[in-house]
């Protein structure tokens, strides 16, 4: 679709944009368009990198002794002292 525009077509589009937006607004539009493309590129790069990380082998968790596991499990289920006072 865009392969058939060519140089004369691009010049015509730029002249029309210059007439519509004016010389002071055109650089602002270019900066905004560039920022948008950069954000899109960063977001898609993050998605692609995330896919690569998921495909790699998961890192095994460090082994904990049984007492540490029990302590962390009890801490998650027991209410805190502040919660008891407020109840």
N, C-alpha and C. Protein backbone atom coordinates (compact mmCIF):
# COMPACT_ATOMS: atom_id res chain seq x y z
N UNK A 1 0.83 -1.19 0.00
CA UNK A 1 0.00 0.00 0.00
C UNK A 1 0.87 1.26 0.00
N UNK A 2 1.82 1.36 0.94
CA UNK A 2 2.67 2.54 1.03
C UNK A 2 3.87 2.44 0.10
N UNK A 3 4.04 1.34 -0.57
CA UNK A 3 5.19 1.16 -1.45
C UNK A 3 5.05 1.99 -2.72
N UNK A 4 3.86 2.42 -3.06
CA UNK A 4 3.64 3.14 -4.30
C UNK A 4 3.58 4.65 -4.12
N UNK A 5 3.85 5.16 -2.91
CA UNK A 5 3.76 6.60 -2.69
C UNK A 5 4.90 7.33 -3.39
N UNK A 6 6.13 6.97 -3.12
CA UNK A 6 7.27 7.60 -3.76
C UNK A 6 7.59 8.97 -3.19
N UNK A 7 8.64 9.58 -3.71
CA UNK A 7 9.13 10.88 -3.25
C UNK A 7 8.12 12.00 -3.55
N UNK A 8 7.56 12.10 -4.77
CA UNK A 8 6.60 13.18 -5.02
C UNK A 8 5.37 13.11 -4.11
N UNK A 9 4.93 11.92 -3.81
CA UNK A 9 3.78 11.77 -2.91
C UNK A 9 4.10 12.22 -1.50
N UNK A 10 5.30 11.90 -1.01
CA UNK A 10 5.71 12.35 0.32
C UNK A 10 5.82 13.86 0.40
N UNK A 11 6.37 14.47 -0.65
CA UNK A 11 6.48 15.93 -0.68
C UNK A 11 5.10 16.56 -0.67
N UNK A 12 4.17 16.01 -1.41
CA UNK A 12 2.80 16.54 -1.43
C UNK A 12 2.15 16.42 -0.06
N UNK A 13 2.34 15.29 0.62
CA UNK A 13 1.78 15.11 1.96
C UNK A 13 2.38 16.11 2.94
N UNK A 14 3.70 16.34 2.86
CA UNK A 14 4.34 17.32 3.75
C UNK A 14 3.85 18.74 3.49
N UNK A 15 3.65 19.11 2.22
CA UNK A 15 3.14 20.45 1.90
C UNK A 15 1.73 20.63 2.43
N UNK A 16 0.89 19.62 2.28
CA UNK A 16 -0.49 19.71 2.79
C UNK A 16 -0.48 19.82 4.31
N UNK A 17 0.38 19.03 4.98
CA UNK A 17 0.48 19.10 6.44
C UNK A 17 0.97 20.48 6.87
N UNK A 18 1.91 21.05 6.14
CA UNK A 18 2.42 22.38 6.47
C UNK A 18 1.32 23.43 6.33
N UNK A 19 0.50 23.31 5.30
CA UNK A 19 -0.60 24.26 5.10
C UNK A 19 -1.65 24.11 6.20
N UNK A 20 -1.98 22.88 6.56
CA UNK A 20 -3.03 22.65 7.56
C UNK A 20 -2.57 23.07 8.95
N UNK A 21 -1.39 22.63 9.37
CA UNK A 21 -0.96 22.85 10.75
C UNK A 21 -0.10 24.09 10.94
N UNK A 22 0.52 24.59 9.92
CA UNK A 22 1.37 25.76 10.05
C UNK A 22 2.78 25.39 10.47
N UNK A 23 3.73 26.31 10.22
CA UNK A 23 5.14 26.00 10.50
C UNK A 23 5.47 25.90 11.99
N UNK A 24 4.69 26.51 12.87
CA UNK A 24 5.01 26.45 14.29
C UNK A 24 4.50 25.16 14.94
N UNK A 25 3.43 24.61 14.42
CA UNK A 25 2.83 23.43 15.02
C UNK A 25 3.45 22.12 14.50
N UNK A 26 4.03 22.14 13.32
CA UNK A 26 4.56 20.94 12.68
C UNK A 26 5.68 20.27 13.49
N UNK A 27 6.66 21.00 14.04
CA UNK A 27 7.69 20.34 14.86
C UNK A 27 7.11 19.68 16.12
N UNK A 28 6.11 20.31 16.73
CA UNK A 28 5.47 19.72 17.91
C UNK A 28 4.79 18.41 17.56
N UNK A 29 4.14 18.37 16.42
CA UNK A 29 3.48 17.14 15.97
C UNK A 29 4.52 16.05 15.69
N UNK A 30 5.64 16.42 15.11
CA UNK A 30 6.70 15.46 14.85
C UNK A 30 7.28 14.87 16.13
N UNK A 31 7.48 15.73 17.15
CA UNK A 31 7.99 15.24 18.43
C UNK A 31 6.99 14.30 19.09
N UNK A 32 5.72 14.67 19.06
CA UNK A 32 4.69 13.82 19.66
C UNK A 32 4.61 12.47 18.95
N UNK A 33 4.72 12.50 17.62
CA UNK A 33 4.69 11.26 16.85
C UNK A 33 5.91 10.39 17.17
N UNK A 34 7.07 11.02 17.32
CA UNK A 34 8.28 10.29 17.66
C UNK A 34 8.21 9.66 19.04
N UNK A 35 7.66 10.40 20.02
CA UNK A 35 7.50 9.85 21.37
C UNK A 35 6.55 8.66 21.36
N UNK A 36 5.48 8.79 20.60
CA UNK A 36 4.50 7.70 20.51
C UNK A 36 5.14 6.45 19.92
N UNK A 37 5.90 6.62 18.85
CA UNK A 37 6.58 5.46 18.25
C UNK A 37 7.59 4.84 19.21
N UNK A 38 8.32 5.68 19.97
CA UNK A 38 9.31 5.17 20.91
C UNK A 38 8.63 4.37 22.02
N UNK A 39 7.51 4.88 22.56
CA UNK A 39 6.79 4.17 23.60
C UNK A 39 6.26 2.84 23.08
N UNK A 40 5.74 2.85 21.86
CA UNK A 40 5.23 1.62 21.26
C UNK A 40 6.36 0.61 21.08
N UNK A 41 7.50 1.08 20.62
CA UNK A 41 8.65 0.20 20.42
C UNK A 41 9.11 -0.40 21.75
N UNK A 42 9.18 0.42 22.80
CA UNK A 42 9.59 -0.07 24.12
C UNK A 42 8.60 -1.09 24.66
N UNK A 43 7.30 -0.83 24.46
CA UNK A 43 6.28 -1.75 24.96
C UNK A 43 6.34 -3.09 24.23
N UNK A 44 6.50 -3.05 22.92
CA UNK A 44 6.56 -4.30 22.18
C UNK A 44 7.86 -5.04 22.47
N UNK A 45 8.94 -4.31 22.72
CA UNK A 45 10.20 -4.96 23.07
C UNK A 45 10.05 -5.66 24.42
N UNK A 46 9.35 -5.04 25.35
CA UNK A 46 9.10 -5.66 26.64
C UNK A 46 8.28 -6.94 26.51
N UNK A 47 7.31 -6.93 25.61
CA UNK A 47 6.51 -8.13 25.40
C UNK A 47 7.35 -9.25 24.79
N UNK A 48 8.18 -8.91 23.83
CA UNK A 48 9.03 -9.92 23.18
C UNK A 48 10.04 -10.46 24.18
N UNK A 49 10.64 -9.59 24.99
CA UNK A 49 11.61 -10.04 25.99
C UNK A 49 10.92 -10.91 27.04
N UNK A 50 9.69 -10.59 27.39
CA UNK A 50 8.94 -11.39 28.35
C UNK A 50 8.69 -12.79 27.84
N UNK A 51 8.42 -12.92 26.54
CA UNK A 51 8.22 -14.24 25.95
C UNK A 51 9.50 -15.05 26.01
N UNK A 52 10.64 -14.42 25.78
CA UNK A 52 11.91 -15.13 25.81
C UNK A 52 12.21 -15.62 27.22
N UNK A 53 11.89 -14.80 28.23
CA UNK A 53 12.15 -15.17 29.61
C UNK A 53 11.27 -16.35 30.04
N UNK A 54 10.03 -16.39 29.57
CA UNK A 54 9.12 -17.47 29.92
C UNK A 54 9.59 -18.80 29.33
N UNK A 55 10.21 -18.76 28.16
CA UNK A 55 10.65 -19.98 27.51
C UNK A 55 11.90 -20.55 28.16
N UNK A 56 12.69 -19.72 28.81
CA UNK A 56 13.90 -20.22 29.45
C UNK A 56 13.52 -21.01 30.70
N UNK A 57 14.47 -21.79 31.18
CA UNK A 57 14.20 -22.64 32.33
C UNK A 57 13.96 -21.79 33.57
N UNK A 58 12.99 -22.17 34.39
CA UNK A 58 12.74 -21.41 35.61
C UNK A 58 13.88 -21.60 36.61
N UNK A 59 14.15 -20.56 37.35
CA UNK A 59 15.21 -20.59 38.34
C UNK A 59 14.66 -21.28 39.59
N UNK A 60 15.33 -22.33 40.08
CA UNK A 60 14.82 -23.00 41.28
C UNK A 60 14.92 -22.09 42.50
N UNK A 61 13.93 -22.22 43.38
CA UNK A 61 13.93 -21.41 44.59
C UNK A 61 14.99 -21.94 45.55
N UNK A 62 15.60 -21.04 46.32
CA UNK A 62 16.57 -21.51 47.30
C UNK A 62 15.86 -22.37 48.35
N UNK A 63 16.53 -23.41 48.79
CA UNK A 63 15.93 -24.33 49.76
C UNK A 63 15.93 -23.67 51.13
N UNK A 64 14.79 -23.83 51.81
CA UNK A 64 14.66 -23.32 53.16
C UNK A 64 14.49 -24.52 54.09
N UNK A 65 14.91 -24.32 55.33
CA UNK A 65 14.69 -25.41 56.26
C UNK A 65 13.21 -25.41 56.66
N UNK A 66 12.77 -26.49 57.22
CA UNK A 66 11.36 -26.67 57.54
C UNK A 66 10.87 -25.64 58.55
N UNK A 67 11.69 -25.22 59.50
CA UNK A 67 11.29 -24.24 60.51
C UNK A 67 10.98 -22.89 59.86
N UNK A 68 11.77 -22.49 58.88
CA UNK A 68 11.54 -21.21 58.20
C UNK A 68 10.24 -21.26 57.40
N UNK A 69 9.96 -22.41 56.78
CA UNK A 69 8.71 -22.55 56.02
C UNK A 69 7.51 -22.46 56.95
N UNK A 70 7.58 -23.13 58.10
CA UNK A 70 6.47 -23.09 59.05
C UNK A 70 6.26 -21.69 59.59
N UNK A 71 7.35 -20.99 59.86
CA UNK A 71 7.25 -19.65 60.40
C UNK A 71 6.60 -18.71 59.39
N UNK A 72 6.98 -18.80 58.12
CA UNK A 72 6.39 -17.93 57.11
C UNK A 72 4.93 -18.29 56.88
N UNK A 73 4.57 -19.57 56.97
CA UNK A 73 3.18 -19.98 56.80
C UNK A 73 2.33 -19.49 57.96
N UNK A 74 2.85 -19.56 59.19
CA UNK A 74 2.11 -19.09 60.36
C UNK A 74 1.95 -17.57 60.32
N UNK A 75 2.95 -16.86 59.86
CA UNK A 75 2.88 -15.41 59.79
C UNK A 75 1.81 -14.97 58.80
N UNK A 76 1.60 -15.73 57.75
CA UNK A 76 0.60 -15.36 56.75
C UNK A 76 -0.81 -15.64 57.25
N UNK A 77 -0.99 -16.64 58.12
CA UNK A 77 -2.35 -17.01 58.54
C UNK A 77 -2.76 -16.36 59.85
N UNK A 78 -1.82 -16.03 60.71
CA UNK A 78 -2.16 -15.44 62.00
C UNK A 78 -2.44 -13.94 61.84
N UNK A 79 -3.48 -13.42 62.51
CA UNK A 79 -3.74 -11.99 62.44
C UNK A 79 -2.68 -11.21 63.22
N UNK A 80 -2.44 -10.01 62.78
CA UNK A 80 -1.45 -9.17 63.44
C UNK A 80 -2.07 -8.55 64.69
N UNK A 81 -1.22 -8.07 65.59
CA UNK A 81 -1.70 -7.47 66.85
C UNK A 81 -2.56 -6.25 66.57
N UNK A 82 -2.20 -5.45 65.56
CA UNK A 82 -2.98 -4.26 65.24
C UNK A 82 -4.37 -4.64 64.73
N UNK A 83 -4.46 -5.75 63.98
CA UNK A 83 -5.75 -6.18 63.47
C UNK A 83 -6.65 -6.67 64.60
N UNK A 84 -6.06 -7.29 65.63
CA UNK A 84 -6.86 -7.77 66.76
C UNK A 84 -7.39 -6.59 67.54
N UNK A 85 -6.60 -5.56 67.77
CA UNK A 85 -7.05 -4.38 68.53
C UNK A 85 -8.17 -3.65 67.77
N UNK A 86 -8.07 -3.56 66.45
CA UNK A 86 -9.08 -2.86 65.67
C UNK A 86 -10.37 -3.64 65.54
N UNK A 87 -10.34 -4.93 65.72
CA UNK A 87 -11.53 -5.77 65.58
C UNK A 87 -12.36 -5.71 66.77
